[in-house]
Amino acid sequence: MVADPASAAAPGNLGPGQRRLRLAVGLAGLVGYLATAGLVVAMDAPAMVRLVVAPFALAFALGTLQAVTRVCVRLAASGRCNFDRGSELVDDAGVRDRLKRRGARITVAALFVTAALTFAVLLV
């Protein structure tokens, strides 16, 4: 299977249904982050307790970034794609390599967003 042939310069490995799923995870993470952040700030919780927002921030960042970029980092790391027909191997080695690099960059970006959102709650 060739990953997203419409975009050879920036290949993706997700179909529309899979993108919607990741967007839903991202939105659920945002709701969880906002609710938890509001609660720990309102309670004036200590810093260690405020770190509970981090998993929600990560779900928000990773889910949203994967939906927007059309790249699932787990599938990219294994050289696979899912265009709403199940997981399939990406045939083209060059596309697999580009997907792996994009997946790694998305992961790093998500970790930076998570750190920033968590730090924001620690500052308040």
C-alpha atoms as a PDB file:
ATOM      1  CA  MET A   1       0.000   0.000   0.000  1.00  0.00           C
ATOM      2  CA  VAL A   2       1.310   3.457  -0.884  1.00  0.00           C
ATOM      3  CA  ALA A   3       0.836   6.042   1.817  1.00  0.00           C
ATOM      4  CA  ASP A   4      -1.349   8.983   0.765  1.00  0.00           C
ATOM      5  CA  PRO A   5      -0.305   9.154  -2.915  1.00  0.00           C
ATOM      6  CA  ALA A   6      -1.928  12.583  -3.265  1.00  0.00           C
ATOM      7  CA  SER A   7       0.829  14.080  -1.142  1.00  0.00           C
ATOM      8  CA  ALA A   8       4.218  12.586  -1.974  1.00  0.00           C
ATOM      9  CA  ALA A   9       6.134  15.556  -0.518  1.00  0.00           C
ATOM     10  CA  ALA A  10       4.494  15.212   2.899  1.00  0.00           C
ATOM     11  CA  PRO A  11       3.038  11.708   3.003  1.00  0.00           C
ATOM     12  CA  GLY A  12       0.334  10.780   5.477  1.00  0.00           C
ATOM     13  CA  ASN A  13      -0.736   7.376   6.690  1.00  0.00           C
ATOM     14  CA  LEU A  14      -4.291   8.022   7.883  1.00  0.00           C
ATOM     15  CA  GLY A  15      -7.647   8.008   6.141  1.00  0.00           C
ATOM     16  CA  PRO A  16     -10.519  10.367   7.001  1.00  0.00           C
ATOM     17  CA  GLY A  17     -12.086   8.025   9.557  1.00  0.00           C
ATOM     18  CA  GLN A  18      -8.813   7.542  11.388  1.00  0.00           C
ATOM     19  CA  ARG A  19      -8.195  11.293  11.370  1.00  0.00           C
ATOM     20  CA  ARG A  20     -11.626  11.885  12.933  1.00  0.00           C
ATOM     21  CA  LEU A  21     -10.826   9.327  15.624  1.00  0.00           C
ATOM     22  CA  ARG A  22      -7.590  11.082  16.525  1.00  0.00           C
ATOM     23  CA  LEU A  23      -9.287  14.466  16.492  1.00  0.00           C
ATOM     24  CA  ALA A  24     -11.873  13.098  18.935  1.00  0.00           C
ATOM     25  CA  VAL A  25      -9.049  11.887  21.198  1.00  0.00           C
ATOM     26  CA  GLY A  26      -7.436  15.319  20.962  1.00  0.00           C
ATOM     27  CA  LEU A  27     -10.679  17.109  21.843  1.00  0.00           C
ATOM     28  CA  ALA A  28     -11.322  14.719  24.744  1.00  0.00           C
ATOM     29  CA  GLY A  29      -7.781  15.441  25.954  1.00  0.00           C
ATOM     30  CA  LEU A  30      -8.448  19.182  25.735  1.00  0.00           C
ATOM     31  CA  VAL A  31     -11.669  18.884  27.729  1.00  0.00           C
ATOM     32  CA  GLY A  32      -9.894  16.727  30.320  1.00  0.00           C
ATOM     33  CA  TYR A  33      -6.987  19.149  30.488  1.00  0.00           C
ATOM     34  CA  LEU A  34      -9.204  22.213  30.942  1.00  0.00           C
ATOM     35  CA  ALA A  35     -11.384  20.525  33.573  1.00  0.00           C
ATOM     36  CA  THR A  36      -8.434  19.131  35.517  1.00  0.00           C
ATOM     37  CA  ALA A  37      -6.420  22.332  35.247  1.00  0.00           C
ATOM     38  CA  GLY A  38      -9.377  24.362  36.471  1.00  0.00           C
ATOM     39  CA  LEU A  39      -9.890  22.000  39.380  1.00  0.00           C
ATOM     40  CA  VAL A  40      -6.286  21.889  40.581  1.00  0.00           C
ATOM     41  CA  VAL A  41      -5.907  25.656  40.237  1.00  0.00           C
ATOM     42  CA  ALA A  42      -9.193  26.303  42.066  1.00  0.00           C
ATOM     43  CA  MET A  43      -8.115  23.945  44.843  1.00  0.00           C
ATOM     44  CA  ASP A  44      -4.704  25.646  44.992  1.00  0.00           C
ATOM     45  CA  ALA A  45      -3.204  22.168  44.787  1.00  0.00           C
ATOM     46  CA  PRO A  46       0.533  21.644  45.313  1.00  0.00           C
ATOM     47  CA  ALA A  47       2.811  21.332  42.294  1.00  0.00           C
ATOM     48  CA  MET A  48       3.038  17.538  42.409  1.00  0.00           C
ATOM     49  CA  VAL A  49      -0.752  17.228  42.277  1.00  0.00           C
ATOM     50  CA  ARG A  50      -0.948  19.696  39.387  1.00  0.00           C
ATOM     51  CA  LEU A  51       1.133  17.328  37.266  1.00  0.00           C
ATOM     52  CA  VAL A  52      -2.033  15.255  36.841  1.00  0.00           C
ATOM     53  CA  VAL A  53      -2.849  17.502  33.858  1.00  0.00           C
ATOM     54  CA  ALA A  54       0.072  16.120  31.817  1.00  0.00           C
ATOM     55  CA  PRO A  55      -1.638  12.979  30.408  1.00  0.00           C
ATOM     56  CA  PHE A  56      -4.612  15.069  29.275  1.00  0.00           C
ATOM     57  CA  ALA A  57      -2.287  17.606  27.661  1.00  0.00           C
ATOM     58  CA  LEU A  58      -0.437  14.792  25.887  1.00  0.00           C
ATOM     59  CA  ALA A  59      -3.695  13.275  24.583  1.00  0.00           C
ATOM     60  CA  PHE A  60      -4.723  16.712  23.314  1.00  0.00           C
ATOM     61  CA  ALA A  61      -1.388  17.446  21.636  1.00  0.00           C
ATOM     62  CA  LEU A  62      -0.770  14.024  20.127  1.00  0.00           C
ATOM     63  CA  GLY A  63      -4.337  13.434  18.977  1.00  0.00           C
ATOM     64  CA  THR A  64      -4.697  16.853  17.404  1.00  0.00           C
ATOM     65  CA  LEU A  65      -1.284  16.850  15.731  1.00  0.00           C
ATOM     66  CA  GLN A  66      -1.875  13.394  14.255  1.00  0.00           C
ATOM     67  CA  ALA A  67      -5.273  14.455  12.895  1.00  0.00           C
ATOM     68  CA  VAL A  68      -3.918  17.653  11.344  1.00  0.00           C
ATOM     69  CA  THR A  69      -0.781  16.109   9.840  1.00  0.00           C
ATOM     70  CA  ARG A  70      -2.516  12.882   8.704  1.00  0.00           C
ATOM     71  CA  VAL A  71       0.243  10.841  10.378  1.00  0.00           C
ATOM     72  CA  CYS A  72      -0.196   8.283  13.149  1.00  0.00           C
ATOM     73  CA  VAL A  73       3.134   8.108  14.954  1.00  0.00           C
ATOM     74  CA  ARG A  74       2.712   4.465  15.991  1.00  0.00           C
ATOM     75  CA  LEU A  75       1.837   3.350  12.465  1.00  0.00           C
ATOM     76  CA  ALA A  76       4.633   5.495  11.012  1.00  0.00           C
ATOM     77  CA  ALA A  77       7.192   3.921  13.341  1.00  0.00           C
ATOM     78  CA  SER A  78       6.211   0.477  12.067  1.00  0.00           C
ATOM     79  CA  GLY A  79       6.042   1.535   8.396  1.00  0.00           C
ATOM     80  CA  ARG A  80       2.275   1.049   8.170  1.00  0.00           C
ATOM     81  CA  CYS A  81      -0.790   3.060   7.149  1.00  0.00           C
ATOM     82  CA  ASN A  82      -4.529   2.904   7.804  1.00  0.00           C
ATOM     83  CA  PHE A  83      -6.764   4.430   5.166  1.00  0.00           C
ATOM     84  CA  ASP A  84      -9.921   3.152   6.886  1.00  0.00           C
ATOM     85  CA  ARG A  85      -9.405  -0.383   5.541  1.00  0.00           C
ATOM     86  CA  GLY A  86      -7.232  -1.670   8.367  1.00  0.00           C
ATOM     87  CA  SER A  87      -3.506  -1.490   8.919  1.00  0.00           C
ATOM     88  CA  GLU A  88      -1.379  -2.163   5.837  1.00  0.00           C
ATOM     89  CA  LEU A  89       2.338  -2.097   5.144  1.00  0.00           C
ATOM     90  CA  VAL A  90       3.653   0.886   3.142  1.00  0.00           C
ATOM     91  CA  ASP A  91       5.381  -0.559   0.063  1.00  0.00           C
ATOM     92  CA  ASP A  92       7.682   2.340  -0.841  1.00  0.00           C
ATOM     93  CA  ALA A  93      10.806   2.411   1.369  1.00  0.00           C
ATOM     94  CA  GLY A  94      11.321   6.150   0.746  1.00  0.00           C
ATOM     95  CA  VAL A  95       7.778   6.953   1.866  1.00  0.00           C
ATOM     96  CA  ARG A  96       8.241   4.712   4.930  1.00  0.00           C
ATOM     97  CA  ASP A  97      11.377   6.646   5.880  1.00  0.00           C
ATOM     98  CA  ARG A  98       9.661  10.025   5.430  1.00  0.00           C
ATOM     99  CA  LEU A  99       6.724   8.841   7.530  1.00  0.00           C
ATOM    100  CA  LYS A 100       9.073   7.680  10.295  1.00  0.00           C
ATOM    101  CA  ARG A 101      10.823  11.067  10.345  1.00  0.00           C
ATOM    102  CA  ARG A 102       7.493  12.925  10.375  1.00  0.00           C
ATOM    103  CA  GLY A 103       6.237  10.684  13.170  1.00  0.00           C
ATOM    104  CA  ALA A 104       9.320  11.439  15.247  1.00  0.00           C
ATOM    105  CA  ARG A 105       8.900  15.200  14.704  1.00  0.00           C
ATOM    106  CA  ILE A 106       5.215  14.996  15.655  1.00  0.00           C
ATOM    107  CA  THR A 107       6.123  13.142  18.851  1.00  0.00           C
ATOM    108  CA  VAL A 108       8.695  15.767  19.801  1.00  0.00           C
ATOM    109  CA  ALA A 109       6.238  18.585  19.057  1.00  0.00           C
ATOM    110  CA  ALA A 110       3.560  16.885  21.167  1.00  0.00           C
ATOM    111  CA  LEU A 111       5.992  16.547  24.070  1.00  0.00           C
ATOM    112  CA  PHE A 112       6.863  20.255  23.849  1.00  0.00           C
ATOM    113  CA  VAL A 113       3.159  21.206  23.833  1.00  0.00           C
ATOM    114  CA  THR A 114       2.558  18.885  26.789  1.00  0.00           C
ATOM    115  CA  ALA A 115       5.445  20.427  28.723  1.00  0.00           C
ATOM    116  CA  ALA A 116       4.228  23.972  27.985  1.00  0.00           C
ATOM    117  CA  LEU A 117       0.632  23.245  29.011  1.00  0.00           C
ATOM    118  CA  THR A 118       1.752  21.456  32.170  1.00  0.00           C
ATOM    119  CA  PHE A 119       4.172  24.256  33.043  1.00  0.00           C
ATOM    120  CA  ALA A 120       1.375  26.805  32.585  1.00  0.00           C
ATOM    121  CA  VAL A 121      -0.685  25.040  35.246  1.00  0.00           C
ATOM    122  CA  LEU A 122       2.323  24.936  37.576  1.00  0.00           C
ATOM    123  CA  LEU A 123       2.793  28.706  37.220  1.00  0.00           C
ATOM    124  CA  VAL A 124      -0.757  29.675  38.106  1.00  0.00           C
END
